[in-house]
Amino acid sequence: MIPVQYRDPQTEEILERRYEESAPAIGMRVRIGFDEYQVLYRWRCVPTSCIVYVRRAVREERRETRSAA
């Protein structure tokens, strides 16, 4: 297990800290709280820790929802 810090790239705010099996890959989607985020890049990933910068992922609307509107 590796400790991972998920951060906002603009404010450097730590969104969440948790242990992961491995460092998240760039482009991967991760759930933080109730929202889904996309990994932008990783910084200082070493076997003992990793800092990951993420942005909120755009949710895809279902076709049924768009056609009903």
Protein backbone atom coordinates (compact mmCIF):
# COMPACT_ATOMS: atom_id res chain seq x y z
CA MET A 1 0.00 0.00 0.00
CA ILE A 2 1.22 3.48 -0.88
CA PRO A 3 -0.02 6.76 0.68
CA VAL A 4 -1.49 9.00 -2.04
CA GLN A 5 -2.37 12.70 -1.77
CA TYR A 6 -4.94 13.95 -4.27
CA ARG A 7 -4.51 17.68 -4.93
CA ASP A 8 -6.17 20.47 -6.89
CA PRO A 9 -3.64 21.69 -9.53
CA GLN A 10 -4.62 25.38 -9.23
CA THR A 11 -4.83 25.83 -5.47
CA GLU A 12 -2.57 22.98 -4.23
CA GLU A 13 -5.42 22.12 -1.84
CA ILE A 14 -5.28 18.52 -0.63
CA LEU A 15 -8.62 16.99 -1.61
CA GLU A 16 -8.01 13.62 0.01
CA ARG A 17 -5.32 11.39 1.47
CA ARG A 18 -5.62 7.63 1.35
CA TYR A 19 -3.72 4.41 0.82
CA GLU A 20 -3.84 2.77 -2.62
CA GLU A 21 -2.51 -0.54 -3.94
CA SER A 22 -0.47 1.40 -6.53
CA ALA A 23 -0.13 4.96 -7.83
CA PRO A 24 -3.08 5.97 -10.06
CA ALA A 25 -2.28 6.18 -13.78
CA ILE A 26 -2.51 9.44 -15.70
CA GLY A 27 -5.97 9.75 -17.28
CA MET A 28 -7.51 7.35 -14.78
CA ARG A 29 -10.76 8.33 -13.06
CA VAL A 30 -10.92 8.22 -9.27
CA ARG A 31 -13.76 8.86 -6.85
CA ILE A 32 -13.11 11.44 -4.14
CA GLY A 33 -16.08 11.89 -1.88
CA PHE A 34 -19.20 11.91 -4.06
CA ASP A 35 -17.44 13.33 -7.14
CA GLU A 36 -15.39 11.74 -9.89
CA TYR A 37 -11.99 13.18 -10.79
CA GLN A 38 -9.49 12.55 -13.58
CA VAL A 39 -5.76 12.20 -12.86
CA LEU A 40 -3.83 14.93 -14.68
CA TYR A 41 -0.30 14.12 -13.56
CA ARG A 42 1.71 12.61 -10.75
CA TRP A 43 4.50 14.34 -8.87
CA ARG A 44 7.17 12.78 -6.67
CA CYS A 45 5.90 9.24 -6.99
CA VAL A 46 8.26 7.04 -5.05
CA PRO A 47 7.66 3.68 -3.38
CA THR A 48 6.79 5.42 -0.10
CA SER A 49 4.35 8.13 -1.29
CA CYS A 50 2.79 9.85 -4.28
CA ILE A 51 1.23 13.26 -4.95
CA VAL A 52 -1.45 13.17 -7.65
CA TYR A 53 -3.05 16.22 -9.27
CA VAL A 54 -6.66 15.79 -10.37
CA ARG A 55 -9.49 17.78 -11.91
CA ARG A 56 -13.21 17.18 -11.67
CA ALA A 57 -14.32 14.86 -14.47
CA VAL A 58 -17.12 15.93 -16.77
CA ARG A 59 -20.08 13.65 -16.25
CA GLU A 60 -21.51 12.04 -19.32
CA GLU A 61 -25.24 12.47 -19.64
CA ARG A 62 -27.36 9.52 -20.53
CA ARG A 63 -28.99 9.60 -23.95
CA GLU A 64 -32.43 9.04 -22.40
CA THR A 65 -32.07 12.18 -20.30
CA ARG A 66 -31.06 14.34 -23.27
CA SER A 67 -33.83 13.00 -25.54
CA ALA A 68 -36.50 13.56 -22.90
CA ALA A 69 -35.52 17.23 -22.46
